[in-house]
Amino acid sequence: MQHQLKSISKAGIPEAIAKVELYRYLNEPEEAESICRDILAIEPEQQLARRMLGLSITDQFLGISGDRYEECRSIFQSLRDPYERFYYTGLFLERRAKAQLRNGVAAHILLPLVEEALQNFAEAEKIRPIGNDDSILRWNRCVRLLESYPEFHAQHPGPTSFESSDTPPIPTRTRGLTH
């Protein structure tokens, strides 16, 4: 037997939005995501549901390739308000970097993500609503993240970084290794 999805009513959208917030607070992002998809099925341009869908997806990030990064970026890039586009894209990038960091990805590899997040927060700050310092708070969190992992700024030679010899450069920092 095949089951069909049922549509919610447009009148039920405000209550559905409240349930999305509740499920996110309860750390049940899959439920929140499902409700956002129900809302967007009947009102595809509902901006709050789009934003919360993207947040629900970032709540599920594990730092693996199946984390739906491009879907999430696309959701935040589709927000109509320029401030929200910058702010939530920055938040997506920050959460992606932190999830990958927790999953063991080397910090120096994630530096471009954090820098892109910082760029988005800086753009959001320029056009933020009066009294809204969220972009500054997120900027500061990213700076503190960079400060808490010296590996973000460690020298890591790439395969083409050798200058005039075949000898690789001496690492500036060795971690846990003795020679």
N, C-alpha and C. Protein backbone atom coordinates (compact mmCIF):
# COMPACT_ATOMS: atom_id res chain seq x y z
N MET A 1 0.83 -1.17 0.00
CA MET A 1 0.00 0.00 0.00
C MET A 1 0.88 1.24 0.00
N GLN A 2 0.62 2.16 -0.89
CA GLN A 2 1.38 3.39 -0.99
C GLN A 2 0.61 4.52 -0.31
N HIS A 3 1.30 5.26 0.52
CA HIS A 3 0.68 6.37 1.24
C HIS A 3 1.02 7.68 0.55
N GLN A 4 0.07 8.59 0.57
CA GLN A 4 0.24 9.90 -0.04
C GLN A 4 0.40 10.96 1.04
N LEU A 5 1.21 11.97 0.74
CA LEU A 5 1.32 13.11 1.65
C LEU A 5 0.01 13.89 1.62
N LYS A 6 -0.34 14.46 2.74
CA LYS A 6 -1.54 15.30 2.83
C LYS A 6 -1.11 16.75 2.93
N SER A 7 -1.93 17.64 2.40
CA SER A 7 -1.65 19.07 2.45
C SER A 7 -2.23 19.69 3.71
N ILE A 8 -1.47 20.63 4.26
CA ILE A 8 -2.00 21.41 5.38
C ILE A 8 -2.77 22.59 4.80
N SER A 9 -3.54 23.26 5.63
CA SER A 9 -4.30 24.43 5.16
C SER A 9 -3.43 25.67 5.29
N LYS A 10 -3.70 26.66 4.46
CA LYS A 10 -2.99 27.94 4.57
C LYS A 10 -3.26 28.58 5.92
N ALA A 11 -4.45 28.38 6.46
CA ALA A 11 -4.78 28.95 7.77
C ALA A 11 -3.95 28.32 8.87
N GLY A 12 -3.41 27.13 8.63
CA GLY A 12 -2.62 26.43 9.63
C GLY A 12 -1.14 26.78 9.61
N ILE A 13 -0.71 27.64 8.68
CA ILE A 13 0.71 27.96 8.55
C ILE A 13 1.29 28.59 9.82
N PRO A 14 0.65 29.59 10.44
CA PRO A 14 1.25 30.17 11.66
C PRO A 14 1.49 29.13 12.76
N GLU A 15 0.54 28.23 12.95
CA GLU A 15 0.71 27.19 13.97
C GLU A 15 1.81 26.21 13.55
N ALA A 16 1.89 25.93 12.27
CA ALA A 16 2.95 25.03 11.78
C ALA A 16 4.32 25.66 12.00
N ILE A 17 4.45 26.96 11.76
CA ILE A 17 5.71 27.67 12.00
C ILE A 17 6.09 27.56 13.48
N ALA A 18 5.12 27.71 14.37
CA ALA A 18 5.38 27.59 15.81
C ALA A 18 5.89 26.18 16.14
N LYS A 19 5.35 25.18 15.47
CA LYS A 19 5.80 23.80 15.70
C LYS A 19 7.23 23.58 15.19
N VAL A 20 7.57 24.24 14.08
CA VAL A 20 8.94 24.15 13.57
C VAL A 20 9.90 24.67 14.64
N GLU A 21 9.59 25.83 15.20
CA GLU A 21 10.44 26.40 16.25
C GLU A 21 10.55 25.46 17.44
N LEU A 22 9.43 24.88 17.84
CA LEU A 22 9.43 23.97 18.97
C LEU A 22 10.31 22.74 18.69
N TYR A 23 10.16 22.14 17.53
CA TYR A 23 10.95 20.95 17.20
C TYR A 23 12.44 21.28 17.09
N ARG A 24 12.75 22.46 16.61
CA ARG A 24 14.17 22.85 16.58
C ARG A 24 14.70 22.99 18.00
N TYR A 25 13.93 23.61 18.89
CA TYR A 25 14.35 23.74 20.29
C TYR A 25 14.49 22.39 20.97
N LEU A 26 13.67 21.43 20.57
CA LEU A 26 13.72 20.09 21.13
C LEU A 26 14.80 19.22 20.48
N ASN A 27 15.57 19.82 19.59
CA ASN A 27 16.62 19.11 18.86
C ASN A 27 16.05 17.95 18.05
N GLU A 28 14.96 18.23 17.35
CA GLU A 28 14.34 17.27 16.45
C GLU A 28 14.25 17.91 15.06
N PRO A 29 15.42 18.12 14.43
CA PRO A 29 15.43 18.87 13.17
C PRO A 29 14.73 18.16 12.01
N GLU A 30 14.68 16.84 12.03
CA GLU A 30 13.99 16.14 10.95
C GLU A 30 12.49 16.47 10.95
N GLU A 31 11.90 16.55 12.16
CA GLU A 31 10.50 16.91 12.26
C GLU A 31 10.28 18.35 11.81
N ALA A 32 11.17 19.24 12.22
CA ALA A 32 11.07 20.64 11.81
C ALA A 32 11.19 20.75 10.29
N GLU A 33 12.12 20.02 9.71
CA GLU A 33 12.29 20.05 8.26
C GLU A 33 11.03 19.57 7.55
N SER A 34 10.44 18.49 8.04
CA SER A 34 9.23 17.95 7.43
C SER A 34 8.10 18.97 7.42
N ILE A 35 7.92 19.66 8.54
CA ILE A 35 6.85 20.67 8.62
C ILE A 35 7.14 21.83 7.66
N CYS A 36 8.40 22.25 7.56
CA CYS A 36 8.75 23.31 6.61
C CYS A 36 8.40 22.89 5.19
N ARG A 37 8.68 21.66 4.86
CA ARG A 37 8.35 21.17 3.51
C ARG A 37 6.84 21.15 3.28
N ASP A 38 6.07 20.84 4.33
CA ASP A 38 4.60 20.88 4.22
C ASP A 38 4.13 22.31 3.96
N ILE A 39 4.72 23.27 4.65
CA ILE A 39 4.35 24.67 4.46
C ILE A 39 4.70 25.11 3.04
N LEU A 40 5.92 24.79 2.62
CA LEU A 40 6.38 25.23 1.29
C LEU A 40 5.63 24.53 0.16
N ALA A 41 5.05 23.38 0.43
CA ALA A 41 4.26 22.68 -0.59
C ALA A 41 3.02 23.48 -0.96
N ILE A 42 2.48 24.23 -0.01
CA ILE A 42 1.27 25.02 -0.31
C ILE A 42 1.57 26.50 -0.50
N GLU A 43 2.72 26.95 0.01
CA GLU A 43 3.11 28.36 -0.15
C GLU A 43 4.62 28.42 -0.40
N PRO A 44 5.04 28.13 -1.65
CA PRO A 44 6.47 27.99 -1.97
C PRO A 44 7.33 29.21 -1.68
N GLU A 45 6.77 30.39 -1.63
CA GLU A 45 7.56 31.60 -1.39
C GLU A 45 7.53 32.05 0.06
N GLN A 46 7.04 31.24 0.94
CA GLN A 46 6.96 31.58 2.37
C GLN A 46 8.39 31.69 2.90
N GLN A 47 8.84 32.91 3.14
CA GLN A 47 10.24 33.17 3.47
C GLN A 47 10.65 32.61 4.83
N LEU A 48 9.79 32.73 5.83
CA LEU A 48 10.13 32.20 7.14
C LEU A 48 10.29 30.68 7.08
N ALA A 49 9.43 30.01 6.35
CA ALA A 49 9.54 28.55 6.20
C ALA A 49 10.82 28.19 5.44
N ARG A 50 11.19 28.96 4.44
CA ARG A 50 12.45 28.71 3.72
C ARG A 50 13.64 28.84 4.66
N ARG A 51 13.66 29.93 5.41
CA ARG A 51 14.76 30.17 6.34
C ARG A 51 14.85 29.04 7.37
N MET A 52 13.71 28.66 7.92
CA MET A 52 13.70 27.61 8.94
C MET A 52 14.02 26.24 8.34
N LEU A 53 13.67 26.02 7.08
CA LEU A 53 14.07 24.78 6.41
C LEU A 53 15.58 24.70 6.33
N GLY A 54 16.21 25.79 5.89
CA GLY A 54 17.67 25.81 5.83
C GLY A 54 18.30 25.58 7.19
N LEU A 55 17.76 26.23 8.22
CA LEU A 55 18.29 26.05 9.57
C LEU A 55 18.10 24.61 10.05
N SER A 56 16.96 24.03 9.73
CA SER A 56 16.71 22.64 10.14
C SER A 56 17.70 21.69 9.47
N ILE A 57 18.06 21.99 8.25
CA ILE A 57 19.06 21.16 7.56
C ILE A 57 20.43 21.35 8.21
N THR A 58 20.79 22.60 8.53
CA THR A 58 22.10 22.80 9.18
C THR A 58 22.13 22.15 10.55
N ASP A 59 20.99 22.06 11.22
CA ASP A 59 20.93 21.38 12.52
C ASP A 59 21.30 19.89 12.39
N GLN A 60 21.22 19.36 11.19
CA GLN A 60 21.49 17.95 10.95
C GLN A 60 22.91 17.69 10.44
N PHE A 61 23.71 18.74 10.25
CA PHE A 61 25.06 18.57 9.71
C PHE A 61 25.90 17.67 10.62
N LEU A 62 26.57 16.71 9.99
CA LEU A 62 27.48 15.81 10.69
C LEU A 62 28.92 15.99 10.22
N GLY A 63 29.11 16.81 9.21
CA GLY A 63 30.45 17.00 8.67
C GLY A 63 30.82 15.95 7.64
N ILE A 64 29.82 15.39 6.98
CA ILE A 64 30.04 14.35 5.97
C ILE A 64 29.50 14.80 4.62
N SER A 65 29.84 14.07 3.58
CA SER A 65 29.44 14.48 2.23
C SER A 65 27.92 14.44 2.04
N GLY A 66 27.21 13.67 2.81
CA GLY A 66 25.76 13.59 2.67
C GLY A 66 24.99 14.69 3.38
N ASP A 67 25.65 15.73 3.82
CA ASP A 67 25.02 16.78 4.61
C ASP A 67 24.15 17.77 3.82
N ARG A 68 24.01 17.60 2.55
CA ARG A 68 23.15 18.44 1.71
C ARG A 68 23.57 19.91 1.71
N TYR A 69 24.88 20.13 1.59
CA TYR A 69 25.41 21.49 1.61
C TYR A 69 24.86 22.35 0.49
N GLU A 70 24.84 21.83 -0.71
CA GLU A 70 24.38 22.66 -1.84
C GLU A 70 22.90 22.98 -1.74
N GLU A 71 22.10 22.03 -1.27
CA GLU A 71 20.68 22.31 -1.08
C GLU A 71 20.50 23.44 -0.07
N CYS A 72 21.23 23.37 1.01
CA CYS A 72 21.13 24.37 2.06
C CYS A 72 21.58 25.74 1.56
N ARG A 73 22.71 25.77 0.87
CA ARG A 73 23.19 27.05 0.31
C ARG A 73 22.14 27.64 -0.63
N SER A 74 21.55 26.81 -1.45
CA SER A 74 20.55 27.25 -2.41
C SER A 74 19.32 27.84 -1.70
N ILE A 75 18.91 27.21 -0.63
CA ILE A 75 17.75 27.71 0.15
C ILE A 75 18.05 29.11 0.67
N PHE A 76 19.22 29.29 1.29
CA PHE A 76 19.54 30.60 1.84
C PHE A 76 19.78 31.63 0.74
N GLN A 77 20.33 31.23 -0.38
CA GLN A 77 20.54 32.16 -1.49
C GLN A 77 19.22 32.59 -2.12
N SER A 78 18.15 31.81 -1.90
CA SER A 78 16.85 32.15 -2.48
C SER A 78 16.03 33.09 -1.61
N LEU A 79 16.55 33.44 -0.44
CA LEU A 79 15.82 34.39 0.41
C LEU A 79 15.79 35.76 -0.26
N ARG A 80 14.65 36.40 -0.22
CA ARG A 80 14.48 37.68 -0.93
C ARG A 80 15.21 38.84 -0.26
N ASP A 81 15.24 38.86 1.06
CA ASP A 81 15.85 39.96 1.78
C ASP A 81 17.38 39.85 1.71
N PRO A 82 18.08 40.88 1.21
CA PRO A 82 19.54 40.80 1.08
C PRO A 82 20.26 40.55 2.41
N TYR A 83 19.79 41.20 3.48
CA TYR A 83 20.41 40.97 4.79
C TYR A 83 20.31 39.48 5.15
N GLU A 84 19.12 38.92 5.02
CA GLU A 84 18.93 37.51 5.37
C GLU A 84 19.78 36.60 4.48
N ARG A 85 19.88 36.93 3.20
CA ARG A 85 20.71 36.12 2.29
C ARG A 85 22.14 36.06 2.80
N PHE A 86 22.72 37.22 3.12
CA PHE A 86 24.10 37.25 3.61
C PHE A 86 24.23 36.57 4.97
N TYR A 87 23.34 36.94 5.89
CA TYR A 87 23.45 36.43 7.25
C TYR A 87 23.31 34.90 7.28
N TYR A 88 22.28 34.38 6.65
CA TYR A 88 22.04 32.93 6.73
C TYR A 88 23.02 32.13 5.88
N THR A 89 23.53 32.72 4.81
CA THR A 89 24.60 32.03 4.07
C THR A 89 25.84 31.95 4.94
N GLY A 90 26.15 33.03 5.66
CA GLY A 90 27.28 33.00 6.59
C GLY A 90 27.08 31.96 7.67
N LEU A 91 25.88 31.90 8.22
CA LEU A 91 25.58 30.92 9.25
C LEU A 91 25.73 29.49 8.72
N PHE A 92 25.24 29.26 7.51
CA PHE A 92 25.40 27.94 6.87
C PHE A 92 26.88 27.58 6.76
N LEU A 93 27.70 28.51 6.29
CA LEU A 93 29.12 28.23 6.12
C LEU A 93 29.80 27.97 7.46
N GLU A 94 29.46 28.76 8.46
CA GLU A 94 30.02 28.56 9.80
C GLU A 94 29.63 27.18 10.35
N ARG A 95 28.36 26.82 10.23
CA ARG A 95 27.92 25.52 10.75
C ARG A 95 28.53 24.36 9.97
N ARG A 96 28.69 24.55 8.68
CA ARG A 96 29.33 23.51 7.87
C ARG A 96 30.77 23.30 8.34
N ALA A 97 31.51 24.40 8.50
CA ALA A 97 32.91 24.30 8.94
C ALA A 97 33.00 23.65 10.32
N LYS A 98 32.14 24.05 11.25
CA LYS A 98 32.20 23.49 12.60
C LYS A 98 31.85 22.00 12.60
N ALA A 99 30.88 21.59 11.79
CA ALA A 99 30.52 20.18 11.72
C ALA A 99 31.68 19.36 11.15
N GLN A 100 32.32 19.89 10.11
CA GLN A 100 33.45 19.17 9.51
C GLN A 100 34.63 19.14 10.47
N LEU A 101 34.83 20.19 11.21
CA LEU A 101 35.89 20.23 12.21
C LEU A 101 35.66 19.15 13.27
N ARG A 102 34.41 19.06 13.75
CA ARG A 102 34.07 18.02 14.73
C ARG A 102 34.27 16.62 14.15
N ASN A 103 34.12 16.50 12.85
CA ASN A 103 34.26 15.20 12.19
C ASN A 103 35.71 14.88 11.83
N GLY A 104 36.64 15.75 12.20
CA GLY A 104 38.05 15.46 12.01
C GLY A 104 38.70 16.05 10.78
N VAL A 105 37.99 16.89 10.03
CA VAL A 105 38.61 17.54 8.88
C VAL A 105 39.63 18.54 9.41
N ALA A 106 40.80 18.57 8.79
CA ALA A 106 41.87 19.45 9.23
C ALA A 106 41.44 20.92 9.13
N ALA A 107 41.75 21.67 10.17
CA ALA A 107 41.33 23.07 10.26
C ALA A 107 41.80 23.89 9.06
N HIS A 108 43.04 23.67 8.61
CA HIS A 108 43.55 24.50 7.51
C HIS A 108 42.74 24.30 6.23
N ILE A 109 42.12 23.16 6.08
CA ILE A 109 41.28 22.89 4.90
C ILE A 109 39.97 23.68 5.00
N LEU A 110 39.53 23.93 6.22
CA LEU A 110 38.26 24.62 6.45
C LEU A 110 38.38 26.13 6.50
N LEU A 111 39.59 26.63 6.51
CA LEU A 111 39.80 28.08 6.58
C LEU A 111 39.02 28.85 5.51
N PRO A 112 39.00 28.41 4.25
CA PRO A 112 38.21 29.16 3.25
C PRO A 112 36.71 29.24 3.60
N LEU A 113 36.16 28.20 4.21
CA LEU A 113 34.75 28.25 4.60
C LEU A 113 34.52 29.32 5.67
N VAL A 114 35.40 29.34 6.67
CA VAL A 114 35.25 30.31 7.75
C VAL A 114 35.46 31.73 7.20
N GLU A 115 36.42 31.90 6.31
CA GLU A 115 36.64 33.22 5.72
C GLU A 115 35.45 33.66 4.89
N GLU A 116 34.83 32.74 4.16
CA GLU A 116 33.64 33.09 3.38
C GLU A 116 32.48 33.44 4.32
N ALA A 117 32.37 32.72 5.43
CA ALA A 117 31.35 33.05 6.43
C ALA A 117 31.58 34.46 6.94
N LEU A 118 32.83 34.79 7.26
CA LEU A 118 33.15 36.14 7.74
C LEU A 118 32.78 37.20 6.71
N GLN A 119 33.04 36.93 5.43
CA GLN A 119 32.68 37.88 4.37
C GLN A 119 31.17 38.11 4.34
N ASN A 120 30.41 37.03 4.47
CA ASN A 120 28.96 37.16 4.46
C ASN A 120 28.46 37.94 5.68
N PHE A 121 29.04 37.66 6.85
CA PHE A 121 28.64 38.40 8.05
C PHE A 121 29.00 39.88 7.92
N ALA A 122 30.13 40.18 7.31
CA ALA A 122 30.53 41.58 7.11
C ALA A 122 29.55 42.29 6.18
N GLU A 123 29.12 41.62 5.12
CA GLU A 123 28.14 42.22 4.20
C GLU A 123 26.80 42.40 4.89
N ALA A 124 26.40 41.42 5.69
CA ALA A 124 25.14 41.52 6.43
C ALA A 124 25.19 42.69 7.42
N GLU A 125 26.34 42.87 8.06
CA GLU A 125 26.49 43.96 9.02
C GLU A 125 26.25 45.32 8.37
N LYS A 126 26.70 45.47 7.14
CA LYS A 126 26.57 46.76 6.44
C LYS A 126 25.10 47.14 6.23
N ILE A 127 24.23 46.13 6.09
CA ILE A 127 22.83 46.43 5.76
C ILE A 127 21.87 45.92 6.83
N ARG A 128 22.38 45.64 8.01
CA ARG A 128 21.54 45.08 9.07
C ARG A 128 20.50 46.10 9.53
N PRO A 129 19.38 45.59 10.01
CA PRO A 129 18.39 46.49 10.60
C PRO A 129 18.94 47.14 11.87
N ILE A 130 18.49 48.32 12.16
CA ILE A 130 18.93 49.04 13.35
C ILE A 130 18.65 48.18 14.59
N GLY A 131 19.66 48.05 15.43
CA GLY A 131 19.51 47.29 16.66
C GLY A 131 19.73 45.79 16.49
N ASN A 132 19.97 45.33 15.28
CA ASN A 132 20.20 43.90 15.04
C ASN A 132 21.70 43.68 14.91
N ASP A 133 22.30 43.12 15.93
CA ASP A 133 23.74 42.87 15.94
C ASP A 133 24.08 41.40 15.70
N ASP A 134 23.14 40.62 15.19
CA ASP A 134 23.37 39.18 14.98
C ASP A 134 24.60 38.92 14.12
N SER A 135 24.77 39.69 13.06
CA SER A 135 25.91 39.47 12.17
C SER A 135 27.23 39.74 12.90
N ILE A 136 27.24 40.68 13.81
CA ILE A 136 28.45 40.98 14.59
C ILE A 136 28.72 39.83 15.57
N LEU A 137 27.66 39.33 16.20
CA LEU A 137 27.83 38.21 17.12
C LEU A 137 28.39 36.98 16.41
N ARG A 138 27.89 36.71 15.21
CA ARG A 138 28.37 35.54 14.43
C ARG A 138 29.81 35.79 13.97
N TRP A 139 30.12 37.03 13.54
CA TRP A 139 31.49 37.38 13.16
C TRP A 139 32.43 37.07 14.31
N ASN A 140 32.07 37.55 15.51
CA ASN A 140 32.92 37.33 16.68
C ASN A 140 33.08 35.85 16.98
N ARG A 141 32.03 35.07 16.81
CA ARG A 141 32.13 33.63 17.05
C ARG A 141 33.11 33.00 16.07
N CYS A 142 33.06 33.41 14.81
CA CYS A 142 34.00 32.87 13.82
C CYS A 142 35.43 33.25 14.16
N VAL A 143 35.65 34.49 14.59
CA VAL A 143 36.99 34.92 14.98
C VAL A 143 37.48 34.08 16.15
N ARG A 144 36.61 33.86 17.13
CA ARG A 144 37.00 33.04 18.28
C ARG A 144 37.28 31.59 17.87
N LEU A 145 36.52 31.10 16.90
CA LEU A 145 36.77 29.75 16.38
C LEU A 145 38.17 29.68 15.77
N LEU A 146 38.52 30.68 14.97
CA LEU A 146 39.86 30.72 14.36
C LEU A 146 40.94 30.80 15.43
N GLU A 147 40.69 31.58 16.47
CA GLU A 147 41.67 31.72 17.55
C GLU A 147 41.82 30.44 18.37
N SER A 148 40.77 29.66 18.47
CA SER A 148 40.82 28.46 19.31
C SER A 148 41.49 27.27 18.63
N TYR A 149 41.72 27.36 17.34
CA TYR A 149 42.40 26.30 16.59
C TYR A 149 43.59 26.91 15.86
N PRO A 150 44.77 26.89 16.46
CA PRO A 150 45.95 27.45 15.78
C PRO A 150 46.19 26.77 14.42
N GLU A 151 45.69 25.55 14.27
CA GLU A 151 45.88 24.82 13.01
C GLU A 151 45.25 25.53 11.81
N PHE A 152 44.29 26.43 12.07
CA PHE A 152 43.71 27.18 10.96
C PHE A 152 44.79 27.96 10.21
N HIS A 153 45.81 28.40 10.93
CA HIS A 153 46.82 29.26 10.33
C HIS A 153 48.18 28.60 10.20
N ALA A 154 48.25 27.29 10.46
CA ALA A 154 49.52 26.58 10.31
C ALA A 154 49.88 26.49 8.83
N GLN A 155 51.14 26.47 8.56
CA GLN A 155 51.61 26.35 7.18
C GLN A 155 51.46 24.90 6.73
N HIS A 156 50.76 24.70 5.64
CA HIS A 156 50.58 23.37 5.07
C HIS A 156 50.94 23.44 3.60
N PRO A 157 52.13 22.95 3.25
CA PRO A 157 52.55 23.06 1.86
C PRO A 157 51.70 22.18 0.95
N GLY A 158 51.36 22.71 -0.19
CA GLY A 158 50.64 21.94 -1.19
C GLY A 158 51.62 21.28 -2.14
N PRO A 159 51.13 20.48 -3.05
CA PRO A 159 52.02 19.75 -3.95
C PRO A 159 52.82 20.64 -4.88
N THR A 160 52.37 21.88 -5.11
CA THR A 160 53.09 22.77 -6.02
C THR A 160 53.83 23.87 -5.28
N SER A 161 53.98 23.75 -3.97
CA SER A 161 54.58 24.83 -3.21
C SER A 161 56.11 24.75 -3.14
N PHE A 162 56.71 23.72 -3.70
CA PHE A 162 58.16 23.61 -3.66
C PHE A 162 58.75 24.64 -4.62
N GLU A 163 59.80 25.29 -4.15
CA GLU A 163 60.32 26.37 -4.96
C GLU A 163 61.30 25.87 -6.00
N SER A 164 62.57 25.75 -5.67
CA SER A 164 63.53 25.41 -6.72
C SER A 164 64.17 24.05 -6.50
N SER A 165 63.69 23.29 -5.54
CA SER A 165 64.29 21.97 -5.34
C SER A 165 63.20 20.93 -5.20
N ASP A 166 63.60 19.70 -5.20
CA ASP A 166 62.67 18.61 -5.01
C ASP A 166 62.47 18.29 -3.53
N THR A 167 63.15 19.01 -2.68
CA THR A 167 63.05 18.77 -1.25
C THR A 167 61.87 19.54 -0.69
N PRO A 168 60.97 18.86 0.00
CA PRO A 168 59.84 19.59 0.57
C PRO A 168 60.31 20.54 1.65
N PRO A 169 59.59 21.63 1.86
CA PRO A 169 59.97 22.56 2.92
C PRO A 169 59.82 21.90 4.29
N ILE A 170 60.57 22.41 5.23
CA ILE A 170 60.49 21.89 6.59
C ILE A 170 59.19 22.39 7.21
N PRO A 171 58.39 21.49 7.78
CA PRO A 171 57.13 21.94 8.39
C PRO A 171 57.41 22.93 9.51
N THR A 172 56.58 23.93 9.61
CA THR A 172 56.73 24.92 10.66
C THR A 172 56.23 24.41 11.99
N ARG A 173 55.43 23.37 11.93
CA ARG A 173 54.85 22.87 13.16
C ARG A 173 54.61 21.37 13.01
N THR A 174 55.06 20.61 13.97
CA THR A 174 54.76 19.19 13.98
C THR A 174 53.93 18.91 15.20
N ARG A 175 52.97 18.08 15.05
CA ARG A 175 52.02 17.85 16.12
C ARG A 175 52.18 16.44 16.65
N GLY A 176 52.70 16.34 17.86
CA GLY A 176 52.80 15.05 18.51
C GLY A 176 53.89 14.15 17.94
N LEU A 177 54.72 14.67 17.05
CA LEU A 177 55.78 13.86 16.46
C LEU A 177 57.12 14.30 17.01
N THR A 178 57.99 13.35 17.26
CA THR A 178 59.35 13.67 17.67
C THR A 178 60.28 13.16 16.60
N HIS A 179 61.36 13.88 16.39
CA HIS A 179 62.32 13.48 15.35
C HIS A 179 63.55 12.92 15.97
